[in-house]
Amino acid sequence: MGHQFAATSNFSPRSNLIFRLSGGLHYQVEQHVLLDVCHVPYKKLTKIVTETAKEFGMPNHVKKSIVHAIGDHMKMLRLLGKKEEVIAI
């Protein structure tokens, strides 16, 4: 479960428009941690998930808006796309 907290992030948590357009997919942490839960209560569950993450020292990433989420995603793609030199021994 620690991997889900470290590797995912929520974005636009206060946007009702994004909630309706994405069907709750912008609550990535809740989606990955609470597999058997419908997306409808994600907004209310976010507080519980955040407190639990803090209690157990887990990271909890939240991007303020979809623009921030896309920007961070682009940075990650650039980082992952950098060619590393491989030295054969």
Protein backbone atom coordinates (compact mmCIF):
# COMPACT_ATOMS: atom_id res chain seq x y z
CA MET A 1 0.00 0.00 0.00
CA GLY A 2 2.94 2.33 0.57
CA HIS A 3 3.65 2.30 -3.15
CA GLN A 4 0.20 3.73 -3.93
CA PHE A 5 0.79 6.64 -1.59
CA ALA A 6 4.28 7.29 -2.96
CA ALA A 7 3.43 6.91 -6.65
CA THR A 8 0.02 8.58 -6.98
CA SER A 9 -1.34 12.03 -6.34
CA ASN A 10 -4.74 13.65 -6.25
CA PHE A 11 -5.42 16.80 -8.23
CA SER A 12 -8.10 19.50 -8.19
CA PRO A 13 -9.64 18.16 -4.98
CA ARG A 14 -12.10 21.04 -4.65
CA SER A 15 -13.34 21.12 -8.23
CA ASN A 16 -16.85 19.80 -8.74
CA LEU A 17 -16.41 20.20 -12.50
CA ILE A 18 -13.34 17.94 -12.57
CA PHE A 19 -15.18 15.47 -10.31
CA ARG A 20 -18.08 15.27 -12.76
CA LEU A 21 -15.88 15.14 -15.86
CA SER A 22 -13.47 12.53 -14.52
CA GLY A 23 -15.92 10.45 -12.50
CA GLY A 24 -13.72 10.83 -9.43
CA LEU A 25 -10.52 9.70 -11.18
CA HIS A 26 -8.73 12.80 -9.92
CA TYR A 27 -8.82 11.16 -6.48
CA GLN A 28 -6.02 8.79 -7.50
CA VAL A 29 -4.90 7.86 -3.98
CA GLU A 30 -8.39 6.88 -2.86
CA GLN A 31 -8.96 5.00 -6.11
CA HIS A 32 -5.81 2.90 -5.63
CA VAL A 33 -6.11 2.36 -1.89
CA LEU A 34 -9.86 1.76 -1.61
CA LEU A 35 -10.40 -0.64 -4.50
CA ASP A 36 -13.87 -1.82 -3.50
CA VAL A 37 -15.32 1.64 -2.88
CA CYS A 38 -17.46 3.48 -5.43
CA HIS A 39 -16.14 6.91 -6.53
CA VAL A 40 -19.07 8.86 -5.06
CA PRO A 41 -17.74 9.16 -1.45
CA TYR A 42 -14.10 9.83 -2.47
CA LYS A 43 -14.39 13.52 -1.61
CA LYS A 44 -15.50 12.71 1.95
CA LEU A 45 -12.97 9.87 2.31
CA THR A 46 -10.06 12.14 1.35
CA LYS A 47 -9.89 13.60 4.87
CA ILE A 48 -9.72 10.12 6.43
CA VAL A 49 -7.10 8.93 3.94
CA THR A 50 -5.01 12.07 4.52
CA GLU A 51 -5.12 11.68 8.31
CA THR A 52 -4.28 7.98 8.07
CA ALA A 53 -1.34 8.68 5.75
CA LYS A 54 -0.03 11.28 8.18
CA GLU A 55 -0.48 8.90 11.12
CA PHE A 56 1.60 6.20 9.45
CA GLY A 57 4.20 8.59 7.95
CA MET A 58 3.12 7.98 4.36
CA PRO A 59 3.40 10.65 1.67
CA ASN A 60 0.15 12.19 0.46
CA HIS A 61 0.53 14.13 -2.76
CA VAL A 62 -2.11 16.65 -3.79
CA LYS A 63 -1.86 18.98 -6.78
CA LYS A 64 -3.88 22.18 -6.45
CA SER A 65 -5.25 22.08 -9.99
CA ILE A 66 -5.25 20.05 -13.17
CA VAL A 67 -2.74 22.52 -14.62
CA HIS A 68 -0.30 21.72 -11.80
CA ALA A 69 -0.90 17.99 -12.28
CA ILE A 70 -0.20 18.18 -16.03
CA GLY A 71 2.89 20.33 -15.42
CA ASP A 72 4.31 17.84 -12.92
CA HIS A 73 3.46 14.98 -15.27
CA MET A 74 5.37 16.68 -18.10
CA LYS A 75 8.38 17.19 -15.80
CA MET A 76 8.32 13.50 -14.91
CA LEU A 77 8.10 12.47 -18.57
CA ARG A 78 11.11 14.68 -19.39
CA LEU A 79 13.05 13.19 -16.49
CA LEU A 80 12.19 9.62 -17.49
CA GLY A 81 12.98 10.36 -21.14
CA LYS A 82 16.55 11.52 -20.52
CA LYS A 83 19.06 9.22 -22.10
CA GLU A 84 21.42 7.68 -19.61
CA GLU A 85 24.87 6.62 -20.72
CA VAL A 86 25.47 2.93 -20.29
CA ILE A 87 29.06 1.89 -19.80
CA ALA A 88 29.79 -1.67 -20.79
CA ILE A 89 32.34 -3.47 -18.66
